[in-house]
Each structure stands twice: as structure tokens, then as C-alpha cells.
Protein backbone atom coordinates (compact mmCIF):
# COMPACT_ATOMS: atom_id res chain seq x y z
CA UNK A 1 0.01 0.15 0.10
CA UNK A 2 0.99 3.21 -0.63
CA UNK A 3 2.34 5.16 2.21
CA UNK A 4 0.60 8.43 1.52
CA UNK A 5 -2.97 6.74 1.06
CA UNK A 6 -5.76 6.65 3.62
CA UNK A 7 -6.76 3.27 5.20
CA UNK A 8 -10.31 1.88 4.75
CA UNK A 9 -12.46 2.78 8.06
CA UNK A 10 -11.90 -0.63 9.42
CA UNK A 11 -8.00 -0.03 9.47
CA UNK A 12 -7.98 3.34 11.05
CA UNK A 13 -5.69 3.55 14.07
CA UNK A 14 -7.91 4.41 17.28
CA UNK A 15 -5.65 6.11 19.68
CA UNK A 16 -6.39 5.90 23.52
CA UNK A 17 -6.99 9.38 23.65
CA UNK A 18 -10.06 9.29 21.46
CA UNK A 19 -8.22 10.40 18.13
CA UNK A 20 -8.14 8.47 14.94
CA UNK A 21 -5.84 8.32 12.20
CA UNK A 22 -6.69 7.35 8.57
CA UNK A 23 -3.16 7.72 7.14
CA UNK A 24 0.66 8.08 7.98
CA UNK A 25 0.59 11.81 7.65
CA UNK A 26 -2.19 12.11 10.23
CA UNK A 27 -0.31 9.67 12.70
CA UNK A 28 2.69 11.86 12.14
CA UNK A 29 0.63 15.03 13.11
CA UNK A 30 -1.01 13.36 16.00
CA UNK A 31 2.22 12.12 17.33
CA UNK A 32 3.55 15.47 17.61
CA UNK A 33 0.92 16.53 19.90
CA UNK A 34 0.49 13.45 21.77
CA UNK A 35 0.83 13.21 25.69
CA UNK A 36 3.78 10.87 26.92
CA UNK A 37 1.32 8.63 28.73
CA UNK A 38 -0.89 8.10 25.84
CA UNK A 39 2.37 7.26 23.75
CA UNK A 40 3.22 4.90 26.38
CA UNK A 41 0.14 3.21 26.37
CA UNK A 42 0.64 2.32 22.86
CA UNK A 43 4.21 1.75 22.65
CA UNK A 44 5.89 0.05 25.60
CA UNK A 45 8.32 -2.76 26.49
CA UNK A 46 5.30 -5.48 25.73
CA UNK A 47 3.81 -4.01 22.61
CA UNK A 48 4.17 -1.29 19.84
CA UNK A 49 0.81 -0.60 18.45
CA UNK A 50 2.26 2.07 15.93
CA UNK A 51 4.88 -0.66 14.57
CA UNK A 52 1.98 -3.19 14.25
CA UNK A 53 -0.35 -0.72 12.54
CA UNK A 54 2.35 0.44 10.08
CA UNK A 55 3.40 -3.06 9.41
CA UNK A 56 0.20 -4.83 9.22
CA UNK A 57 -1.94 -2.08 7.36
CA UNK A 58 0.66 -0.32 5.01
CA UNK A 59 2.97 -3.63 4.88
CA UNK A 60 6.15 -1.55 5.39
CA UNK A 61 8.35 -3.53 7.72
CA UNK A 62 11.25 -1.35 7.70
CA UNK A 63 9.28 1.74 8.93
CA UNK A 64 7.48 -0.20 11.46
CA UNK A 65 10.83 -1.27 12.99
CA UNK A 66 12.26 2.19 12.85
CA UNK A 67 9.09 3.69 14.55
CA UNK A 68 9.53 0.75 17.07
CA UNK A 69 12.68 2.11 18.22
CA UNK A 70 11.37 5.86 18.93
CA UNK A 71 11.41 6.05 22.80
CA UNK A 72 9.12 9.32 22.19
CA UNK A 73 6.49 10.37 20.24
CA UNK A 74 8.04 13.22 18.59
CA UNK A 75 10.96 10.82 17.49
CA UNK A 76 8.26 8.70 16.06
CA UNK A 77 6.51 11.68 14.24
CA UNK A 78 9.76 12.67 12.77
CA UNK A 79 10.71 9.12 11.44
CA UNK A 80 7.36 8.88 9.75
CA UNK A 81 7.74 12.65 8.08
CA UNK A 82 11.27 11.79 6.80
CA UNK A 83 9.89 8.83 5.20
CA UNK A 84 7.05 10.55 3.49
CA UNK A 85 9.12 13.28 2.45
CA UNK A 86 11.74 10.92 0.98
CA UNK A 87 9.01 9.06 -0.89
CA UNK A 88 7.08 12.51 -1.90
CA UNK A 89 10.63 13.71 -3.65
CA UNK A 90 11.28 10.17 -5.22
CA UNK A 91 7.64 10.22 -6.63
CA UNK A 92 8.38 13.72 -8.05
CA UNK A 93 11.76 12.84 -9.37
CA UNK A 94 9.97 10.00 -11.28
CA UNK A 95 7.52 12.13 -12.77
CA UNK A 96 10.00 14.65 -13.80
CA UNK A 97 12.00 11.79 -15.53
CA UNK A 98 8.99 10.40 -17.06
CA UNK A 99 8.08 13.88 -18.68
CA UNK A 100 11.75 14.25 -19.89
CA UNK A 101 11.57 10.88 -21.51
CA UNK A 102 8.35 11.85 -23.35
CA UNK A 103 10.08 15.06 -24.63
CA UNK A 104 13.02 13.09 -25.73
CA UNK A 105 11.11 10.36 -27.44
CA UNK A 106 9.03 12.98 -29.31
CA UNK A 107 12.23 15.05 -30.62
CA UNK A 108 13.70 11.84 -31.69
CA UNK A 109 10.50 10.90 -33.57
CA UNK A 110 10.49 14.56 -34.98
CA UNK A 111 14.25 14.11 -36.33
CA UNK A 112 13.33 10.40 -37.77
CA UNK A 113 10.55 12.09 -39.57
CA UNK A 114 12.75 14.68 -41.14
CA UNK A 115 15.14 12.24 -41.90
CA UNK A 116 12.92 9.97 -43.75
CA UNK A 117 11.58 12.88 -45.71
CA UNK A 118 15.39 13.41 -47.27
């Protein structure tokens, strides 16, 4: 699943303080404001609900493991934000490359057309 996508309603993350998160951006934002006791409720020595959600719903074990190592909610938020930012930059670069390839292809086709006319 794309890390920027919303999850279906049955896969939302339900937080102990009553907030719900339907995507990683919302989770990162919520973690920034989260009270320490709420974070500890979800991320403790016995369990890490944030890791489980990212791994099970988004299928991203690497990001899930990074989140599990976070000791503070702000740290977890920053890990997610960095990943989303990296993913966004990669997608923009791919789109830019695709546009460039289309322009090059169009130019080559134009040159070939001129060459054939000679």
C-alpha cells in the first residue's frame, strides 16, 4: 500500500485519547501533539501498536521497525515525516523523469520523420 494513502475505515488507528488516524500523515501529526502517557500506552516494552499498524496495514516492515525504536512520540513523528518526505521526493523525481523521457521520445520521432523525408 502506498504510504500516502488513506486506509479503509476498518483499518484506522484508534488512539487511547480518542483520536483516529486514517493515514501516516495524520499519525505523524498526532504523534507530535501526543501526551507521553498516551504514547506509552501504545508503545511500551510489551507491545507497540504504531509498529503493528504500519507493518500490518501498510505492509512496510522497515518503517514499522524504525518507529518501534522511537522512545518518544516526537521521535516517531519525525521518522514518519522523513519517510513521507523521501517518498514524495522520489515520486516527484520519477514524474519529472517520465516527462523528460516523453520529450526526448517526441524529439527523436520528429528527427526521424525529417530524416525519412530526405
